C-alpha atoms as a PDB file:
ATOM      1  CA  MET A   1       0.049  -0.070  -0.045  1.00  0.00           C
ATOM      2  CA  LYS A   2       1.209   3.367  -0.883  1.00  0.00           C
ATOM      3  CA  ARG A   3      -0.189   6.592   1.113  1.00  0.00           C
ATOM      4  CA  GLU A   4       0.440  10.122   0.274  1.00  0.00           C
ATOM      5  CA  VAL A   5      -0.938  13.033   2.348  1.00  0.00           C
ATOM      6  CA  GLU A   6      -0.768  16.722   1.095  1.00  0.00           C
ATOM      7  CA  ARG A   7      -1.144  19.543   3.373  1.00  0.00           C
ATOM      8  CA  GLU A   8      -0.952  23.550   2.543  1.00  0.00           C
ATOM      9  CA  ARG A   9      -1.066  26.750   4.429  1.00  0.00           C
ATOM     10  CA  GLU A  10      -1.152  30.427   3.543  1.00  0.00           C
ATOM     11  CA  LEU A  11       1.827  32.397   4.913  1.00  0.00           C
ATOM     12  CA  PRO A  12       1.774  35.970   6.165  1.00  0.00           C
ATOM     13  CA  ALA A  13       3.678  38.471   4.064  1.00  0.00           C
ATOM     14  CA  PHE A  14       7.297  38.182   4.924  1.00  0.00           C
ATOM     15  CA  SER A  15      10.903  39.335   4.074  1.00  0.00           C
ATOM     16  CA  LEU A  16      13.931  37.067   4.392  1.00  0.00           C
ATOM     17  CA  SER A  17      17.726  38.081   3.995  1.00  0.00           C
ATOM     18  CA  ILE A  18      19.964  35.520   2.298  1.00  0.00           C
ATOM     19  CA  GLY A  19      21.313  34.603   5.840  1.00  0.00           C
ATOM     20  CA  GLU A  20      17.518  34.192   7.248  1.00  0.00           C
ATOM     21  CA  LEU A  21      16.948  31.883   4.185  1.00  0.00           C
ATOM     22  CA  GLU A  22      19.878  29.825   5.059  1.00  0.00           C
ATOM     23  CA  ALA A  23      18.662  29.438   8.715  1.00  0.00           C
ATOM     24  CA  LEU A  24      15.232  28.346   7.243  1.00  0.00           C
ATOM     25  CA  TRP A  25      16.821  26.012   4.742  1.00  0.00           C
ATOM     26  CA  ALA A  26      18.692  24.291   7.475  1.00  0.00           C
ATOM     27  CA  ARG A  27      15.764  23.600   9.476  1.00  0.00           C
ATOM     28  CA  LEU A  28      14.001  22.282   6.747  1.00  0.00           C
ATOM     29  CA  ALA A  29      16.832  19.875   5.512  1.00  0.00           C
ATOM     30  CA  ALA A  30      17.034  18.670   9.229  1.00  0.00           C
ATOM     31  CA  LEU A  31      13.416  17.234   8.716  1.00  0.00           C
ATOM     32  CA  PHE A  32      14.758  14.680   6.231  1.00  0.00           C
ATOM     33  CA  ASP A  33      16.579  11.462   7.275  1.00  0.00           C
ATOM     34  CA  ASP A  34      19.788  12.265   5.261  1.00  0.00           C
ATOM     35  CA  PRO A  35      19.954  16.102   4.749  1.00  0.00           C
ATOM     36  CA  ALA A  36      23.025  15.431   2.365  1.00  0.00           C
ATOM     37  CA  ASP A  37      21.011  13.464   0.022  1.00  0.00           C
ATOM     38  CA  ILE A  38      18.129  15.934  -0.592  1.00  0.00           C
ATOM     39  CA  TYR A  39      16.938  17.191  -4.037  1.00  0.00           C
ATOM     40  CA  SER A  40      16.358  20.842  -3.878  1.00  0.00           C
ATOM     41  CA  SER A  41      15.696  23.951  -6.488  1.00  0.00           C
ATOM     42  CA  ILE A  42      15.157  27.469  -6.338  1.00  0.00           C
ATOM     43  CA  ASP A  43      12.984  28.775  -9.232  1.00  0.00           C
ATOM     44  CA  VAL A  44      13.046  32.444  -9.766  1.00  0.00           C
ATOM     45  CA  ARG A  45      10.880  34.354 -12.187  1.00  0.00           C
ATOM     46  CA  LEU A  46      12.237  37.754 -13.414  1.00  0.00           C
ATOM     47  CA  PRO A  47      10.658  39.850 -15.956  1.00  0.00           C
ATOM     48  CA  GLY A  48      11.083  38.069 -19.258  1.00  0.00           C
ATOM     49  CA  GLU A  49      13.116  35.233 -17.879  1.00  0.00           C
ATOM     50  CA  GLN A  50      12.834  32.252 -15.438  1.00  0.00           C
ATOM     51  CA  ILE A  51      16.039  30.840 -13.539  1.00  0.00           C
ATOM     52  CA  GLU A  52      16.180  27.560 -11.975  1.00  0.00           C
ATOM     53  CA  PHE A  53      19.055  27.111  -9.264  1.00  0.00           C
ATOM     54  CA  ALA A  54      19.991  23.876  -7.816  1.00  0.00           C
ATOM     55  CA  SER A  55      21.024  25.081  -4.584  1.00  0.00           C
ATOM     56  CA  LEU A  56      21.117  28.096  -2.318  1.00  0.00           C
ATOM     57  CA  GLU A  57      24.717  28.524  -2.687  1.00  0.00           C
ATOM     58  CA  GLU A  58      24.337  28.350  -6.490  1.00  0.00           C
ATOM     59  CA  LEU A  59      21.829  31.361  -6.193  1.00  0.00           C
ATOM     60  CA  LYS A  60      24.338  33.399  -4.068  1.00  0.00           C
ATOM     61  CA  GLN A  61      26.922  33.077  -6.524  1.00  0.00           C
ATOM     62  CA  TYR A  62      24.621  34.375  -9.362  1.00  0.00           C
ATOM     63  CA  ALA A  63      25.657  38.174  -9.638  1.00  0.00           C
ATOM     64  CA  ALA A  64      22.895  38.947 -12.122  1.00  0.00           C
ATOM     65  CA  LEU A  65      19.960  38.924  -9.724  1.00  0.00           C
ATOM     66  CA  PRO A  66      17.960  41.931  -8.678  1.00  0.00           C
ATOM     67  CA  PRO A  67      18.300  43.337  -5.186  1.00  0.00           C
ATOM     68  CA  ARG A  68      15.267  41.502  -3.959  1.00  0.00           C
ATOM     69  CA  ILE A  69      13.247  38.590  -5.392  1.00  0.00           C
ATOM     70  CA  THR A  70       9.442  38.503  -5.033  1.00  0.00           C
ATOM     71  CA  SER A  71       8.652  35.674  -7.520  1.00  0.00           C
ATOM     72  CA  PHE A  72      10.032  32.339  -6.343  1.00  0.00           C
ATOM     73  CA  TYR A  73       9.430  28.473  -5.799  1.00  0.00           C
ATOM     74  CA  ILE A  74      11.672  26.798  -3.331  1.00  0.00           C
ATOM     75  CA  ARG A  75      11.426  22.992  -3.143  1.00  0.00           C
ATOM     76  CA  LEU A  76      13.267  20.283  -0.955  1.00  0.00           C
ATOM     77  CA  ARG A  77      12.556  16.542  -1.637  1.00  0.00           C
ATOM     78  CA  LYS A  78      13.656  13.240  -0.706  1.00  0.00           C
ATOM     79  CA  GLY A  79      11.494  10.082  -1.663  1.00  0.00           C
ATOM     80  CA  GLU A  80       7.879  10.544  -0.921  1.00  0.00           C
ATOM     81  CA  ARG A  81       8.562  13.673   1.290  1.00  0.00           C
ATOM     82  CA  ARG A  82       8.438  17.178  -0.378  1.00  0.00           C
ATOM     83  CA  VAL A  83       8.212  20.730   1.016  1.00  0.00           C
ATOM     84  CA  SER A  84       7.746  23.875  -1.029  1.00  0.00           C
ATOM     85  CA  ILE A  85       7.320  27.499  -0.454  1.00  0.00           C
ATOM     86  CA  ARG A  86       5.638  29.553  -3.360  1.00  0.00           C
ATOM     87  CA  SER A  87       5.337  33.347  -3.787  1.00  0.00           C
ATOM     88  CA  GLY A  88       4.500  35.675  -6.520  1.00  0.00           C
ATOM     89  CA  LYS A  89       3.622  34.396 -10.054  1.00  0.00           C
ATOM     90  CA  TYR A  90       4.243  30.963  -8.828  1.00  0.00           C
ATOM     91  CA  TRP A  91       0.862  31.192  -6.930  1.00  0.00           C
ATOM     92  CA  ALA A  92      -2.707  32.335  -8.159  1.00  0.00           C
ATOM     93  CA  THR A  93      -3.631  33.799  -4.701  1.00  0.00           C
ATOM     94  CA  THR A  94      -2.165  36.832  -3.288  1.00  0.00           C
ATOM     95  CA  ASN A  95      -0.427  35.288  -0.268  1.00  0.00           C
ATOM     96  CA  ALA A  96       2.571  33.121  -0.355  1.00  0.00           C
ATOM     97  CA  LYS A  97       1.992  29.412   0.547  1.00  0.00           C
ATOM     98  CA  VAL A  98       3.983  26.506   1.986  1.00  0.00           C
ATOM     99  CA  SER A  99       3.025  22.940   0.794  1.00  0.00           C
ATOM    100  CA  ALA A 100       4.323  19.618   2.088  1.00  0.00           C
ATOM    101  CA  SER A 101       3.370  16.008   1.108  1.00  0.00           C
ATOM    102  CA  SER A 102       4.431  12.718   2.902  1.00  0.00           C
ATOM    103  CA  GLU A 103       3.189   9.417   3.660  1.00  0.00           C
ATOM    104  CA  THR A 104       2.348  10.648   7.288  1.00  0.00           C
ATOM    105  CA  GLU A 105       0.259  13.524   8.465  1.00  0.00           C
ATOM    106  CA  ALA A 106       2.703  14.324  11.156  1.00  0.00           C
ATOM    107  CA  TRP A 107       5.572  15.013   8.907  1.00  0.00           C
ATOM    108  CA  CYS A 108       3.458  17.128   6.930  1.00  0.00           C
ATOM    109  CA  ALA A 109       2.546  19.241   9.936  1.00  0.00           C
ATOM    110  CA  GLY A 110       6.061  19.603  11.216  1.00  0.00           C
ATOM    111  CA  ALA A 111       7.343  20.784   7.892  1.00  0.00           C
ATOM    112  CA  ILE A 112       4.397  23.275   7.587  1.00  0.00           C
ATOM    113  CA  GLU A 113       4.852  24.605  11.107  1.00  0.00           C
ATOM    114  CA  THR A 114       8.563  25.002  10.607  1.00  0.00           C
ATOM    115  CA  VAL A 115       8.008  27.358   7.961  1.00  0.00           C
ATOM    116  CA  TYR A 116       5.191  29.137   9.226  1.00  0.00           C
ATOM    117  CA  SER A 117       6.751  29.898  12.764  1.00  0.00           C
ATOM    118  CA  PHE A 118       9.964  30.967  11.000  1.00  0.00           C
ATOM    119  CA  VAL A 119       8.396  33.663   8.669  1.00  0.00           C
ATOM    120  CA  GLN A 120       5.845  34.445  11.627  1.00  0.00           C
ATOM    121  CA  SER A 121       9.209  36.263  13.158  1.00  0.00           C
ATOM    122  CA  HIS A 122       9.914  37.968   9.798  1.00  0.00           C
ATOM    123  CA  LYS A 123       6.533  39.443   8.796  1.00  0.00           C
ATOM    124  CA  VAL A 124       6.565  42.612   6.990  1.00  0.00           C
ATOM    125  CA  TRP A 125       4.324  45.465   8.397  1.00  0.00           C
ATOM    126  CA  TYR A 126       1.546  45.177   5.733  1.00  0.00           C
ATOM    127  CA  HIS A 127       0.949  41.414   6.027  1.00  0.00           C
ATOM    128  CA  TRP A 128      -2.602  42.306   7.333  1.00  0.00           C
ATOM    129  CA  PHE A 129      -3.330  44.311   4.402  1.00  0.00           C
ATOM    130  CA  LEU A 130      -3.105  41.441   1.786  1.00  0.00           C
ATOM    131  CA  SER A 131      -6.127  39.605   3.093  1.00  0.00           C
ATOM    132  CA  ALA A 132      -8.136  42.966   3.042  1.00  0.00           C
ATOM    133  CA  PRO A 133     -10.725  43.004   0.459  1.00  0.00           C
ATOM    134  CA  VAL A 134      -9.239  45.837  -1.842  1.00  0.00           C
ATOM    135  CA  GLY A 135     -11.714  44.972  -4.534  1.00  0.00           C
ATOM    136  CA  TRP A 136     -14.795  45.288  -2.532  1.00  0.00           C
ATOM    137  CA  ALA A 137     -13.421  48.640  -1.142  1.00  0.00           C
ATOM    138  CA  LEU A 138     -12.626  49.817  -4.709  1.00  0.00           C
ATOM    139  CA  VAL A 139     -16.282  49.325  -5.539  1.00  0.00           C
ATOM    140  CA  LEU A 140     -17.751  51.015  -2.558  1.00  0.00           C
ATOM    141  CA  VAL A 141     -15.629  54.054  -2.756  1.00  0.00           C
ATOM    142  CA  GLY A 142     -15.909  54.285  -6.585  1.00  0.00           C
ATOM    143  CA  ASN A 143     -19.598  54.459  -6.153  1.00  0.00           C
ATOM    144  CA  ALA A 144     -19.279  56.935  -3.306  1.00  0.00           C
ATOM    145  CA  PRO A 145     -20.479  59.966  -5.297  1.00  0.00           C
ATOM    146  CA  TRP A 146     -23.585  58.317  -6.546  1.00  0.00           C
ATOM    147  CA  LEU A 147     -24.266  57.205  -3.256  1.00  0.00           C
ATOM    148  CA  ALA A 148     -23.890  60.719  -1.357  1.00  0.00           C
ATOM    149  CA  SER A 149     -25.988  62.217  -4.143  1.00  0.00           C
ATOM    150  CA  ALA A 150     -28.921  60.047  -3.230  1.00  0.00           C
ATOM    151  CA  PHE A 151     -29.013  61.669   0.063  1.00  0.00           C
ATOM    152  CA  MET A 152     -28.040  65.112  -0.628  1.00  0.00           C
ATOM    153  CA  PRO A 153     -30.508  67.833  -0.892  1.00  0.00           C
ATOM    154  CA  LYS A 154     -31.387  68.808  -4.331  1.00  0.00           C
ATOM    155  CA  GLY A 155     -29.090  71.599  -5.798  1.00  0.00           C
ATOM    156  CA  SER A 156     -26.017  70.770  -3.461  1.00  0.00           C
ATOM    157  CA  LYS A 157     -22.462  70.489  -5.013  1.00  0.00           C
ATOM    158  CA  ILE A 158     -19.618  68.343  -3.893  1.00  0.00           C
ATOM    159  CA  GLU A 159     -16.766  70.703  -2.859  1.00  0.00           C
ATOM    160  CA  MET A 160     -13.629  70.360  -4.454  1.00  0.00           C
ATOM    161  CA  PRO A 161     -11.696  69.163  -1.347  1.00  0.00           C
ATOM    162  CA  ILE A 162     -13.939  66.257  -1.322  1.00  0.00           C
ATOM    163  CA  VAL A 163     -13.609  65.351  -5.052  1.00  0.00           C
ATOM    164  CA  ILE A 164      -9.740  65.658  -4.841  1.00  0.00           C
ATOM    165  CA  GLY A 165      -9.683  63.306  -1.631  1.00  0.00           C
ATOM    166  CA  TRP A 166     -12.213  60.943  -3.176  1.00  0.00           C
ATOM    167  CA  ALA A 167     -10.010  60.608  -6.534  1.00  0.00           C
ATOM    168  CA  GLY A 168      -6.743  60.101  -4.410  1.00  0.00           C
ATOM    169  CA  ILE A 169      -8.455  57.293  -2.684  1.00  0.00           C
ATOM    170  CA  VAL A 170      -9.698  55.593  -5.829  1.00  0.00           C
ATOM    171  CA  ALA A 171      -6.296  56.182  -7.648  1.00  0.00           C
ATOM    172  CA  THR A 172      -4.557  54.525  -4.723  1.00  0.00           C
ATOM    173  CA  LEU A 173      -7.000  51.514  -4.679  1.00  0.00           C
ATOM    174  CA  LEU A 174      -6.579  51.022  -8.201  1.00  0.00           C
ATOM    175  CA  ILE A 175      -2.925  50.890  -7.795  1.00  0.00           C
ATOM    176  CA  LEU A 176      -2.851  48.599  -4.955  1.00  0.00           C
ATOM    177  CA  TYR A 177      -5.517  46.097  -6.822  1.00  0.00           C
ATOM    178  CA  PHE A 178      -3.826  45.923  -9.958  1.00  0.00           C
ATOM    179  CA  ALA A 179      -0.192  46.068  -8.829  1.00  0.00           C
ATOM    180  CA  LYS A 180      -0.565  44.686  -5.616  1.00  0.00           C
ATOM    181  CA  GLU A 181       2.125  41.950  -6.254  1.00  0.00           C
ATOM    182  CA  ARG A 182       4.828  44.592  -7.222  1.00  0.00           C
ATOM    183  CA  VAL A 183       3.739  47.093  -4.425  1.00  0.00           C
ATOM    184  CA  LEU A 184       3.096  44.803  -1.601  1.00  0.00           C
ATOM    185  CA  PRO A 185       4.781  41.350  -2.411  1.00  0.00           C
ATOM    186  CA  ALA A 186       3.647  38.629  -0.472  1.00  0.00           C
ATOM    187  CA  GLY A 187       7.223  37.135  -0.117  1.00  0.00           C
ATOM    188  CA  ILE A 188      10.645  38.692  -0.508  1.00  0.00           C
ATOM    189  CA  ILE A 189      14.029  37.273  -0.736  1.00  0.00           C
ATOM    190  CA  GLN A 190      16.443  40.174  -0.101  1.00  0.00           C
ATOM    191  CA  VAL A 191      19.578  39.380  -2.143  1.00  0.00           C
ATOM    192  CA  ALA A 192      21.440  42.639  -1.559  1.00  0.00           C
ATOM    193  CA  ASP A 193      20.634  46.095   0.168  1.00  0.00           C
ATOM    194  CA  ARG A 194      20.839  48.092  -3.176  1.00  0.00           C
ATOM    195  CA  ASP A 195      17.378  49.442  -3.405  1.00  0.00           C
ATOM    196  CA  GLY A 196      16.738  53.221  -3.516  1.00  0.00           C
ATOM    197  CA  PHE A 197      14.642  54.973  -1.035  1.00  0.00           C
ATOM    198  CA  ILE A 198      11.353  54.984  -3.228  1.00  0.00           C
ATOM    199  CA  GLN A 199      11.794  51.081  -3.948  1.00  0.00           C
ATOM    200  CA  LYS A 200      12.254  50.523  -0.288  1.00  0.00           C
ATOM    201  CA  HIS A 201       9.218  52.463   0.852  1.00  0.00           C
ATOM    202  CA  VAL A 202       6.995  52.256  -2.132  1.00  0.00           C
ATOM    203  CA  ALA A 203       4.394  50.333   0.025  1.00  0.00           C
ATOM    204  CA  GLU A 204       4.520  52.961   2.780  1.00  0.00           C
ATOM    205  CA  LEU A 205       4.277  55.925   0.161  1.00  0.00           C
ATOM    206  CA  SER A 206       1.247  54.212  -1.544  1.00  0.00           C
ATOM    207  CA  LEU A 207      -0.699  53.672   1.828  1.00  0.00           C
ATOM    208  CA  GLY A 208       0.383  57.049   3.015  1.00  0.00           C
ATOM    209  CA  ILE A 209      -1.153  58.934  -0.206  1.00  0.00           C
ATOM    210  CA  ALA A 210      -4.298  56.901   0.505  1.00  0.00           C
ATOM    211  CA  VAL A 211      -4.407  57.906   4.222  1.00  0.00           C
ATOM    212  CA  ILE A 212      -3.771  61.674   3.464  1.00  0.00           C
ATOM    213  CA  SER A 213      -6.569  61.325   0.660  1.00  0.00           C
ATOM    214  CA  ALA A 214      -8.708  60.230   3.067  1.00  0.00           C
ATOM    215  CA  ILE A 215      -7.987  62.885   5.707  1.00  0.00           C
ATOM    216  CA  LEU A 216      -8.455  65.462   2.849  1.00  0.00           C
ATOM    217  CA  THR A 217     -12.016  63.964   2.074  1.00  0.00           C
ATOM    218  CA  ILE A 218     -13.014  64.107   5.675  1.00  0.00           C
ATOM    219  CA  VAL A 219     -11.548  67.570   6.358  1.00  0.00           C
ATOM    220  CA  GLY A 220     -13.184  68.770   3.140  1.00  0.00           C
ATOM    221  CA  TRP A 221     -16.635  67.436   4.094  1.00  0.00           C
ATOM    222  CA  PHE A 222     -16.612  69.391   7.411  1.00  0.00           C
ATOM    223  CA  VAL A 223     -15.348  72.456   5.871  1.00  0.00           C
ATOM    224  CA  ALA A 224     -18.314  72.058   3.118  1.00  0.00           C
ATOM    225  CA  LYS A 225     -20.751  72.161   6.030  1.00  0.00           C
END
């Protein structure tokens, strides 16, 4: 009889340096009977190309990588036991995921818990936002002028500060909805610390614009009164 158990779990948005990824790699390798005899690979998807590394050491030696990787697929396997971490274009959902398969539930649970507990300690600040219903918020905010006009007295006009604030919120939500993977990546491997200020803080800047726009909208609403 052959039995195979598969389990998976969504991961909070995280960022790992190469050193931290090495520490996680070592913990996962220790789950196998003979860590020296493990098949491993790291697939990295970049604009216009895909690269497969046979090991973490091979990835470290490749000089042409960008400062950070946000679309990757990490696999460790020996026999019937496998564990993988996927993020970015390697997964259909917004969040990164860890998957494990084995002949026993206990091994799968242990592998998944090893990854989950490790990335929990390396969460990025916006991890809560990836599960937020941005699409529904966009629909609600986008229709706000028509909803407001239904309750406003006839002849009333929406003041310009409110319009500007509303437009800013809609623009920010559109950016986050259609470019969430680039603006707020679910998983980051920080290869080198060469990012500029805007690249490092694009998420903070985007959400900051949304907050400022919301404040302008609220202030404009009270000024109009």
